[in-house]
Amino acid sequence: MRCRACTKHLPAWLDGELAPKLADEVAAHLQACGACAAERRRLEALLRVVDSVEAPPLSAGFDAAFRTKLAEARVAAAASSSAEPPRRAWWRLPALGAAAAALAVAVVVGVTLRSRTHPTLPEGEVAIAQNLELLRDYEVVSNLDALEDFAVVSDLDTLMEDAR
């Protein structure tokens, strides 16, 4: 048994509501799985807290009011079941069919478009595409030698002007 199934059945197991075979599977899993055993202890602690809370006393007229509302609900249910069944709107069926067909077409088109193979880029081009900011600066970096020479020339111009 997996943990998910064990925790799903744990409340019923604690209440003794599981079939014997399933109860044995839960018990075996709890002995083998520490996480589920811890969940069992947490759930048992929670149930102890809930059981310790006393239910508030019912008002004096609660029983009579409950029975009256129950009788009214039964009469209403009997009256609605004996009434003529509601008519179905004939125009809804074609609209429902058209909606189902449109949904089917959308699913087929979506699956078809998704399944088409897209050309894959070579690994180097993918890296470039992911770093476009670096590519924008590439021209500047690739001409760095020329820029350094330009800086030297501008410094020479400044030195020449100072020498005059």
N, C-alpha and C. Protein backbone atom coordinates (compact mmCIF):
# COMPACT_ATOMS: atom_id res chain seq x y z
N MET A 1 0.85 -1.18 0.00
CA MET A 1 0.00 0.00 0.00
C MET A 1 0.89 1.23 0.00
N ARG A 2 0.48 2.22 -0.72
CA ARG A 2 1.22 3.48 -0.79
C ARG A 2 0.73 4.43 0.31
N CYS A 3 1.56 5.40 0.62
CA CYS A 3 1.25 6.34 1.70
C CYS A 3 -0.05 7.10 1.43
N ARG A 4 -0.27 7.51 0.18
CA ARG A 4 -1.48 8.27 -0.14
C ARG A 4 -2.74 7.46 0.18
N ALA A 5 -2.74 6.17 -0.19
CA ALA A 5 -3.89 5.32 0.09
C ALA A 5 -4.04 5.10 1.58
N CYS A 6 -2.92 4.94 2.28
CA CYS A 6 -2.97 4.72 3.72
C CYS A 6 -3.58 5.92 4.43
N THR A 7 -3.12 7.12 4.11
CA THR A 7 -3.66 8.30 4.79
C THR A 7 -5.11 8.55 4.41
N LYS A 8 -5.50 8.12 3.21
CA LYS A 8 -6.90 8.26 2.80
C LYS A 8 -7.79 7.36 3.67
N HIS A 9 -7.32 6.14 3.96
CA HIS A 9 -8.12 5.18 4.71
C HIS A 9 -7.93 5.29 6.22
N LEU A 10 -7.00 6.11 6.67
CA LEU A 10 -6.66 6.18 8.08
C LEU A 10 -7.84 6.54 8.99
N PRO A 11 -8.64 7.56 8.67
CA PRO A 11 -9.77 7.87 9.57
C PRO A 11 -10.75 6.70 9.70
N ALA A 12 -11.06 6.05 8.60
CA ALA A 12 -11.97 4.90 8.65
C ALA A 12 -11.33 3.75 9.41
N TRP A 13 -10.02 3.58 9.27
CA TRP A 13 -9.32 2.52 9.99
C TRP A 13 -9.38 2.77 11.50
N LEU A 14 -9.17 4.03 11.90
CA LEU A 14 -9.23 4.36 13.33
C LEU A 14 -10.63 4.14 13.90
N ASP A 15 -11.65 4.35 13.08
CA ASP A 15 -13.03 4.15 13.52
C ASP A 15 -13.48 2.71 13.40
N GLY A 16 -12.61 1.83 12.86
CA GLY A 16 -12.97 0.43 12.70
C GLY A 16 -14.00 0.19 11.62
N GLU A 17 -14.01 1.04 10.59
CA GLU A 17 -15.02 0.97 9.53
C GLU A 17 -14.52 0.30 8.26
N LEU A 18 -13.27 -0.16 8.22
CA LEU A 18 -12.74 -0.76 7.00
C LEU A 18 -13.02 -2.26 6.95
N ALA A 19 -13.08 -2.77 5.74
CA ALA A 19 -13.18 -4.22 5.55
C ALA A 19 -11.92 -4.86 6.13
N PRO A 20 -12.02 -6.08 6.64
CA PRO A 20 -10.86 -6.70 7.32
C PRO A 20 -9.58 -6.73 6.48
N LYS A 21 -9.69 -7.06 5.20
CA LYS A 21 -8.49 -7.15 4.36
C LYS A 21 -7.83 -5.79 4.22
N LEU A 22 -8.64 -4.75 3.96
CA LEU A 22 -8.10 -3.40 3.81
C LEU A 22 -7.54 -2.90 5.15
N ALA A 23 -8.21 -3.23 6.24
CA ALA A 23 -7.73 -2.83 7.57
C ALA A 23 -6.36 -3.47 7.84
N ASP A 24 -6.18 -4.72 7.43
CA ASP A 24 -4.89 -5.39 7.63
C ASP A 24 -3.80 -4.73 6.79
N GLU A 25 -4.14 -4.30 5.57
CA GLU A 25 -3.16 -3.62 4.71
C GLU A 25 -2.73 -2.29 5.33
N VAL A 26 -3.71 -1.56 5.86
CA VAL A 26 -3.39 -0.27 6.50
C VAL A 26 -2.50 -0.51 7.71
N ALA A 27 -2.85 -1.50 8.53
CA ALA A 27 -2.06 -1.79 9.73
C ALA A 27 -0.63 -2.19 9.37
N ALA A 28 -0.48 -3.00 8.34
CA ALA A 28 0.86 -3.41 7.91
C ALA A 28 1.67 -2.21 7.42
N HIS A 29 1.02 -1.33 6.67
CA HIS A 29 1.72 -0.15 6.17
C HIS A 29 2.13 0.76 7.33
N LEU A 30 1.26 0.91 8.31
CA LEU A 30 1.57 1.76 9.46
C LEU A 30 2.77 1.23 10.25
N GLN A 31 2.94 -0.08 10.29
CA GLN A 31 4.09 -0.65 10.99
C GLN A 31 5.37 -0.44 10.21
N ALA A 32 5.26 -0.37 8.88
CA ALA A 32 6.45 -0.25 8.04
C ALA A 32 6.82 1.19 7.73
N CYS A 33 5.89 2.11 7.82
CA CYS A 33 6.12 3.50 7.36
C CYS A 33 6.05 4.46 8.55
N GLY A 34 7.17 5.07 8.86
CA GLY A 34 7.22 6.01 9.98
C GLY A 34 6.40 7.26 9.73
N ALA A 35 6.38 7.75 8.49
CA ALA A 35 5.63 8.98 8.19
C ALA A 35 4.14 8.76 8.38
N CYS A 36 3.64 7.63 7.92
CA CYS A 36 2.20 7.35 8.08
C CYS A 36 1.87 7.05 9.54
N ALA A 37 2.80 6.43 10.27
CA ALA A 37 2.58 6.18 11.70
C ALA A 37 2.51 7.50 12.45
N ALA A 38 3.34 8.46 12.05
CA ALA A 38 3.29 9.79 12.66
C ALA A 38 1.96 10.48 12.35
N GLU A 39 1.49 10.32 11.12
CA GLU A 39 0.19 10.89 10.74
C GLU A 39 -0.93 10.26 11.57
N ARG A 40 -0.80 8.95 11.81
CA ARG A 40 -1.79 8.25 12.66
C ARG A 40 -1.80 8.85 14.05
N ARG A 41 -0.61 9.10 14.63
CA ARG A 41 -0.55 9.68 15.97
C ARG A 41 -1.15 11.08 16.00
N ARG A 42 -0.90 11.89 14.95
CA ARG A 42 -1.47 13.24 14.88
C ARG A 42 -3.00 13.16 14.80
N LEU A 43 -3.50 12.25 13.99
CA LEU A 43 -4.94 12.11 13.84
C LEU A 43 -5.58 11.61 15.13
N GLU A 44 -4.93 10.68 15.81
CA GLU A 44 -5.46 10.19 17.09
C GLU A 44 -5.49 11.32 18.12
N ALA A 45 -4.46 12.17 18.16
CA ALA A 45 -4.44 13.30 19.08
C ALA A 45 -5.56 14.27 18.77
N LEU A 46 -5.78 14.52 17.50
CA LEU A 46 -6.87 15.41 17.08
C LEU A 46 -8.22 14.84 17.50
N LEU A 47 -8.41 13.55 17.29
CA LEU A 47 -9.68 12.93 17.67
C LEU A 47 -9.89 12.98 19.18
N ARG A 48 -8.81 12.85 19.96
CA ARG A 48 -8.94 12.96 21.42
C ARG A 48 -9.41 14.36 21.80
N VAL A 49 -8.86 15.38 21.15
CA VAL A 49 -9.27 16.76 21.44
C VAL A 49 -10.74 16.96 21.08
N VAL A 50 -11.13 16.47 19.91
CA VAL A 50 -12.52 16.63 19.47
C VAL A 50 -13.46 15.89 20.42
N ASP A 51 -13.07 14.70 20.83
CA ASP A 51 -13.91 13.93 21.74
C ASP A 51 -14.03 14.58 23.11
N SER A 52 -13.04 15.36 23.51
CA SER A 52 -13.08 15.98 24.83
C SER A 52 -14.01 17.18 24.89
N VAL A 53 -14.39 17.72 23.76
CA VAL A 53 -15.29 18.88 23.73
C VAL A 53 -16.72 18.40 23.92
N GLU A 54 -17.41 19.04 24.87
CA GLU A 54 -18.80 18.66 25.13
C GLU A 54 -19.72 19.38 24.14
N ALA A 55 -20.72 18.67 23.68
CA ALA A 55 -21.70 19.26 22.78
C ALA A 55 -22.59 20.21 23.58
N PRO A 56 -22.97 21.34 23.00
CA PRO A 56 -23.83 22.26 23.74
C PRO A 56 -25.22 21.63 23.93
N PRO A 57 -25.89 21.98 24.99
CA PRO A 57 -27.23 21.41 25.22
C PRO A 57 -28.22 21.94 24.18
N LEU A 58 -29.15 21.09 23.79
CA LEU A 58 -30.17 21.50 22.82
C LEU A 58 -31.26 22.30 23.53
N SER A 59 -31.87 23.20 22.79
CA SER A 59 -32.95 23.97 23.37
C SER A 59 -34.15 23.07 23.61
N ALA A 60 -35.08 23.54 24.44
CA ALA A 60 -36.23 22.72 24.82
C ALA A 60 -37.09 22.38 23.61
N GLY A 61 -37.25 23.28 22.67
CA GLY A 61 -38.13 23.05 21.54
C GLY A 61 -37.42 22.51 20.30
N PHE A 62 -36.14 22.15 20.43
CA PHE A 62 -35.38 21.72 19.25
C PHE A 62 -35.99 20.48 18.62
N ASP A 63 -36.29 19.47 19.40
CA ASP A 63 -36.80 18.21 18.86
C ASP A 63 -38.09 18.43 18.09
N ALA A 64 -39.02 19.19 18.68
CA ALA A 64 -40.30 19.44 18.02
C ALA A 64 -40.10 20.25 16.73
N ALA A 65 -39.26 21.27 16.77
CA ALA A 65 -39.01 22.10 15.59
C ALA A 65 -38.35 21.27 14.49
N PHE A 66 -37.42 20.39 14.87
CA PHE A 66 -36.75 19.55 13.89
C PHE A 66 -37.73 18.61 13.21
N ARG A 67 -38.58 17.96 13.99
CA ARG A 67 -39.56 17.03 13.44
C ARG A 67 -40.56 17.75 12.53
N THR A 68 -40.95 18.98 12.87
CA THR A 68 -41.86 19.76 12.02
C THR A 68 -41.21 20.08 10.68
N LYS A 69 -39.97 20.53 10.71
CA LYS A 69 -39.26 20.86 9.46
C LYS A 69 -39.03 19.61 8.62
N LEU A 70 -38.76 18.50 9.26
CA LEU A 70 -38.56 17.25 8.55
C LEU A 70 -39.86 16.83 7.85
N ALA A 71 -40.98 16.96 8.53
CA ALA A 71 -42.27 16.61 7.94
C ALA A 71 -42.58 17.53 6.76
N GLU A 72 -42.31 18.83 6.91
CA GLU A 72 -42.54 19.78 5.81
C GLU A 72 -41.67 19.44 4.60
N ALA A 73 -40.43 19.06 4.84
CA ALA A 73 -39.53 18.69 3.74
C ALA A 73 -40.03 17.45 3.03
N ARG A 74 -40.55 16.47 3.79
CA ARG A 74 -41.10 15.26 3.17
C ARG A 74 -42.30 15.58 2.31
N VAL A 75 -43.19 16.45 2.79
CA VAL A 75 -44.37 16.83 2.01
C VAL A 75 -43.95 17.55 0.74
N ALA A 76 -43.00 18.46 0.84
CA ALA A 76 -42.52 19.20 -0.34
C ALA A 76 -41.88 18.25 -1.34
N ALA A 77 -41.11 17.29 -0.86
CA ALA A 77 -40.46 16.33 -1.75
C ALA A 77 -41.49 15.46 -2.45
N ALA A 78 -42.52 15.04 -1.72
CA ALA A 78 -43.57 14.22 -2.32
C ALA A 78 -44.35 15.02 -3.36
N ALA A 79 -44.61 16.28 -3.08
CA ALA A 79 -45.36 17.13 -4.01
C ALA A 79 -44.55 17.37 -5.28
N SER A 80 -43.27 17.57 -5.14
CA SER A 80 -42.46 17.85 -6.33
C SER A 80 -42.25 16.58 -7.17
N SER A 81 -42.23 15.41 -6.53
CA SER A 81 -42.04 14.19 -7.30
C SER A 81 -43.31 13.78 -8.03
N SER A 82 -44.47 14.16 -7.52
CA SER A 82 -45.72 13.80 -8.18
C SER A 82 -46.11 14.82 -9.25
N ALA A 83 -45.45 15.96 -9.27
CA ALA A 83 -45.75 16.99 -10.27
C ALA A 83 -45.27 16.52 -11.64
N GLU A 84 -45.76 17.19 -12.68
CA GLU A 84 -45.37 16.86 -14.06
C GLU A 84 -43.88 17.09 -14.23
N PRO A 85 -43.18 16.16 -14.85
CA PRO A 85 -41.73 16.34 -15.02
C PRO A 85 -41.45 17.57 -15.87
N PRO A 86 -40.37 18.26 -15.59
CA PRO A 86 -40.07 19.48 -16.35
C PRO A 86 -39.81 19.15 -17.82
N ARG A 87 -40.25 20.05 -18.67
CA ARG A 87 -40.02 19.87 -20.10
C ARG A 87 -38.60 20.25 -20.44
N ARG A 88 -38.06 19.50 -21.30
CA ARG A 88 -36.69 19.79 -21.74
C ARG A 88 -36.76 20.78 -22.90
N ALA A 89 -35.85 21.70 -22.88
CA ALA A 89 -35.80 22.68 -23.96
C ALA A 89 -35.18 22.01 -25.18
N TRP A 90 -35.96 21.83 -26.25
CA TRP A 90 -35.49 21.12 -27.43
C TRP A 90 -34.32 21.84 -28.10
N TRP A 91 -34.25 23.14 -27.93
CA TRP A 91 -33.22 23.89 -28.62
C TRP A 91 -31.85 23.74 -27.95
N ARG A 92 -31.84 23.24 -26.72
CA ARG A 92 -30.56 23.08 -26.03
C ARG A 92 -29.72 21.95 -26.61
N LEU A 93 -30.36 20.92 -27.11
CA LEU A 93 -29.61 19.77 -27.62
C LEU A 93 -28.74 20.13 -28.82
N PRO A 94 -29.25 20.82 -29.85
CA PRO A 94 -28.36 21.20 -30.96
C PRO A 94 -27.24 22.13 -30.50
N ALA A 95 -27.56 23.04 -29.59
CA ALA A 95 -26.52 23.96 -29.10
C ALA A 95 -25.44 23.19 -28.35
N LEU A 96 -25.85 22.21 -27.56
CA LEU A 96 -24.89 21.40 -26.84
C LEU A 96 -24.03 20.59 -27.81
N GLY A 97 -24.66 20.06 -28.86
CA GLY A 97 -23.91 19.32 -29.88
C GLY A 97 -22.91 20.20 -30.59
N ALA A 98 -23.32 21.41 -30.92
CA ALA A 98 -22.42 22.34 -31.60
C ALA A 98 -21.25 22.71 -30.70
N ALA A 99 -21.53 22.91 -29.43
CA ALA A 99 -20.45 23.25 -28.49
C ALA A 99 -19.48 22.08 -28.36
N ALA A 100 -20.00 20.87 -28.30
CA ALA A 100 -19.13 19.69 -28.20
C ALA A 100 -18.28 19.54 -29.45
N ALA A 101 -18.87 19.79 -30.63
CA ALA A 101 -18.12 19.70 -31.88
C ALA A 101 -17.02 20.76 -31.93
N ALA A 102 -17.34 21.97 -31.50
CA ALA A 102 -16.34 23.04 -31.49
C ALA A 102 -15.20 22.70 -30.54
N LEU A 103 -15.53 22.13 -29.40
CA LEU A 103 -14.49 21.73 -28.46
C LEU A 103 -13.61 20.63 -29.05
N ALA A 104 -14.23 19.67 -29.73
CA ALA A 104 -13.47 18.58 -30.34
C ALA A 104 -12.52 19.12 -31.41
N VAL A 105 -13.00 20.06 -32.22
CA VAL A 105 -12.16 20.66 -33.26
C VAL A 105 -10.99 21.41 -32.61
N ALA A 106 -11.28 22.15 -31.55
CA ALA A 106 -10.22 22.90 -30.87
C ALA A 106 -9.17 21.96 -30.30
N VAL A 107 -9.59 20.84 -29.75
CA VAL A 107 -8.64 19.88 -29.19
C VAL A 107 -7.79 19.28 -30.29
N VAL A 108 -8.41 18.89 -31.40
CA VAL A 108 -7.67 18.29 -32.51
C VAL A 108 -6.67 19.28 -33.08
N VAL A 109 -7.09 20.53 -33.28
CA VAL A 109 -6.18 21.54 -33.81
C VAL A 109 -5.03 21.78 -32.83
N GLY A 110 -5.35 21.86 -31.55
CA GLY A 110 -4.31 22.09 -30.55
C GLY A 110 -3.31 20.96 -30.51
N VAL A 111 -3.79 19.73 -30.54
CA VAL A 111 -2.88 18.58 -30.51
C VAL A 111 -2.04 18.55 -31.78
N THR A 112 -2.66 18.84 -32.92
CA THR A 112 -1.93 18.84 -34.18
C THR A 112 -0.82 19.90 -34.18
N LEU A 113 -1.16 21.09 -33.73
CA LEU A 113 -0.16 22.15 -33.73
C LEU A 113 0.95 21.87 -32.74
N ARG A 114 0.63 21.26 -31.62
CA ARG A 114 1.65 20.96 -30.62
C ARG A 114 2.57 19.84 -31.07
N SER A 115 2.02 18.91 -31.86
CA SER A 115 2.83 17.75 -32.24
C SER A 115 3.76 18.03 -33.41
N ARG A 116 3.57 19.13 -34.09
CA ARG A 116 4.48 19.46 -35.18
C ARG A 116 5.87 19.69 -34.63
N THR A 117 6.83 19.19 -35.34
CA THR A 117 8.20 19.38 -34.88
C THR A 117 8.68 20.75 -35.30
N HIS A 118 9.25 21.43 -34.37
CA HIS A 118 9.81 22.74 -34.66
C HIS A 118 11.31 22.56 -34.88
N PRO A 119 11.86 23.30 -35.81
CA PRO A 119 13.30 23.17 -36.03
C PRO A 119 14.05 23.53 -34.75
N THR A 120 15.02 22.73 -34.43
CA THR A 120 15.79 23.01 -33.22
C THR A 120 17.05 23.74 -33.60
N LEU A 121 17.45 24.63 -32.77
CA LEU A 121 18.65 25.42 -33.02
C LEU A 121 19.86 24.67 -32.50
N PRO A 122 20.98 24.83 -33.15
CA PRO A 122 22.20 24.25 -32.60
C PRO A 122 22.46 24.81 -31.20
N GLU A 123 23.18 24.06 -30.41
CA GLU A 123 23.38 24.43 -29.01
C GLU A 123 24.00 25.81 -28.85
N GLY A 124 24.94 26.14 -29.69
CA GLY A 124 25.59 27.44 -29.61
C GLY A 124 24.63 28.59 -29.88
N GLU A 125 23.74 28.39 -30.84
CA GLU A 125 22.77 29.44 -31.17
C GLU A 125 21.75 29.62 -30.06
N VAL A 126 21.42 28.53 -29.37
CA VAL A 126 20.50 28.63 -28.23
C VAL A 126 21.15 29.48 -27.14
N ALA A 127 22.43 29.25 -26.90
CA ALA A 127 23.14 30.03 -25.88
C ALA A 127 23.16 31.50 -26.26
N ILE A 128 23.37 31.79 -27.53
CA ILE A 128 23.37 33.18 -27.99
C ILE A 128 21.99 33.79 -27.81
N ALA A 129 20.96 33.04 -28.18
CA ALA A 129 19.60 33.56 -28.06
C ALA A 129 19.23 33.82 -26.61
N GLN A 130 19.76 33.02 -25.71
CA GLN A 130 19.45 33.22 -24.29
C GLN A 130 20.20 34.41 -23.70
N ASN A 131 21.25 34.85 -24.38
CA ASN A 131 22.06 35.96 -23.88
C ASN A 131 22.14 37.07 -24.91
N LEU A 132 21.01 37.56 -25.36
CA LEU A 132 20.98 38.58 -26.41
C LEU A 132 21.64 39.88 -25.96
N GLU A 133 21.59 40.17 -24.67
CA GLU A 133 22.21 41.41 -24.19
C GLU A 133 23.71 41.37 -24.46
N LEU A 134 24.31 40.21 -24.28
CA LEU A 134 25.74 40.10 -24.56
C LEU A 134 26.01 40.27 -26.05
N LEU A 135 25.10 39.78 -26.89
CA LEU A 135 25.27 39.89 -28.33
C LEU A 135 25.22 41.35 -28.76
N ARG A 136 24.37 42.14 -28.12
CA ARG A 136 24.29 43.57 -28.47
C ARG A 136 25.62 44.27 -28.21
N ASP A 137 26.29 43.85 -27.15
CA ASP A 137 27.56 44.46 -26.79
C ASP A 137 28.74 43.83 -27.52
N TYR A 138 28.48 42.80 -28.30
CA TYR A 138 29.57 42.07 -28.96
C TYR A 138 30.35 42.96 -29.92
N GLU A 139 29.64 43.79 -30.69
CA GLU A 139 30.34 44.65 -31.65
C GLU A 139 31.29 45.59 -30.94
N VAL A 140 30.86 46.11 -29.82
CA VAL A 140 31.72 47.02 -29.07
C VAL A 140 32.94 46.26 -28.56
N VAL A 141 32.70 45.05 -28.01
CA VAL A 141 33.80 44.27 -27.46
C VAL A 141 34.73 43.80 -28.57
N SER A 142 34.18 43.41 -29.73
CA SER A 142 35.03 42.91 -30.81
C SER A 142 35.92 44.01 -31.38
N ASN A 143 35.52 45.26 -31.26
CA ASN A 143 36.33 46.39 -31.75
C ASN A 143 37.06 47.08 -30.61
N LEU A 144 37.29 46.35 -29.52
CA LEU A 144 37.92 46.95 -28.35
C LEU A 144 39.33 47.46 -28.66
N ASP A 145 40.07 46.71 -29.49
CA ASP A 145 41.42 47.17 -29.84
C ASP A 145 41.36 48.51 -30.54
N ALA A 146 40.41 48.65 -31.46
CA ALA A 146 40.28 49.92 -32.18
C ALA A 146 39.88 51.03 -31.22
N LEU A 147 39.03 50.71 -30.28
CA LEU A 147 38.60 51.72 -29.31
C LEU A 147 39.76 52.13 -28.41
N GLU A 148 40.61 51.16 -28.04
CA GLU A 148 41.78 51.50 -27.22
C GLU A 148 42.73 52.41 -28.00
N ASP A 149 42.89 52.09 -29.31
CA ASP A 149 43.73 52.95 -30.16
C ASP A 149 43.13 54.34 -30.25
N PHE A 150 41.81 54.43 -30.34
CA PHE A 150 41.14 55.72 -30.41
C PHE A 150 41.38 56.51 -29.13
N ALA A 151 41.35 55.80 -28.00
CA ALA A 151 41.59 56.48 -26.73
C ALA A 151 43.02 57.01 -26.67
N VAL A 152 43.97 56.23 -27.17
CA VAL A 152 45.37 56.67 -27.18
C VAL A 152 45.52 57.90 -28.08
N VAL A 153 44.86 57.88 -29.23
CA VAL A 153 44.94 59.02 -30.16
C VAL A 153 44.34 60.27 -29.52
N SER A 154 43.20 60.07 -28.82
CA SER A 154 42.60 61.27 -28.19
C SER A 154 43.49 61.77 -27.07
N ASP A 155 44.19 60.86 -26.36
CA ASP A 155 45.13 61.30 -25.34
C ASP A 155 46.30 62.04 -25.97
N LEU A 156 46.78 61.58 -27.14
CA LEU A 156 47.86 62.25 -27.84
C LEU A 156 47.43 63.66 -28.26
N ASP A 157 46.19 63.79 -28.71
CA ASP A 157 45.69 65.10 -29.09
C ASP A 157 45.72 66.04 -27.87
N THR A 158 45.36 65.52 -26.72
CA THR A 158 45.35 66.33 -25.52
C THR A 158 46.78 66.72 -25.15
N LEU A 159 47.70 65.76 -25.26
CA LEU A 159 49.10 66.04 -24.94
C LEU A 159 49.68 67.06 -25.90
N MET A 160 49.29 66.98 -27.16
CA MET A 160 49.78 67.92 -28.15
C MET A 160 49.29 69.33 -27.85
N GLU A 161 48.05 69.43 -27.42
CA GLU A 161 47.50 70.74 -27.13
C GLU A 161 48.18 71.34 -25.89
N ASP A 162 48.51 70.47 -24.92
CA ASP A 162 49.19 70.95 -23.72
C ASP A 162 50.62 71.40 -24.03
N ALA A 163 51.23 70.73 -25.00
CA ALA A 163 52.61 71.05 -25.36
C ALA A 163 52.68 72.40 -26.09
N ARG A 164 51.67 72.82 -26.73
CA ARG A 164 51.68 74.08 -27.49
C ARG A 164 51.59 75.21 -26.60
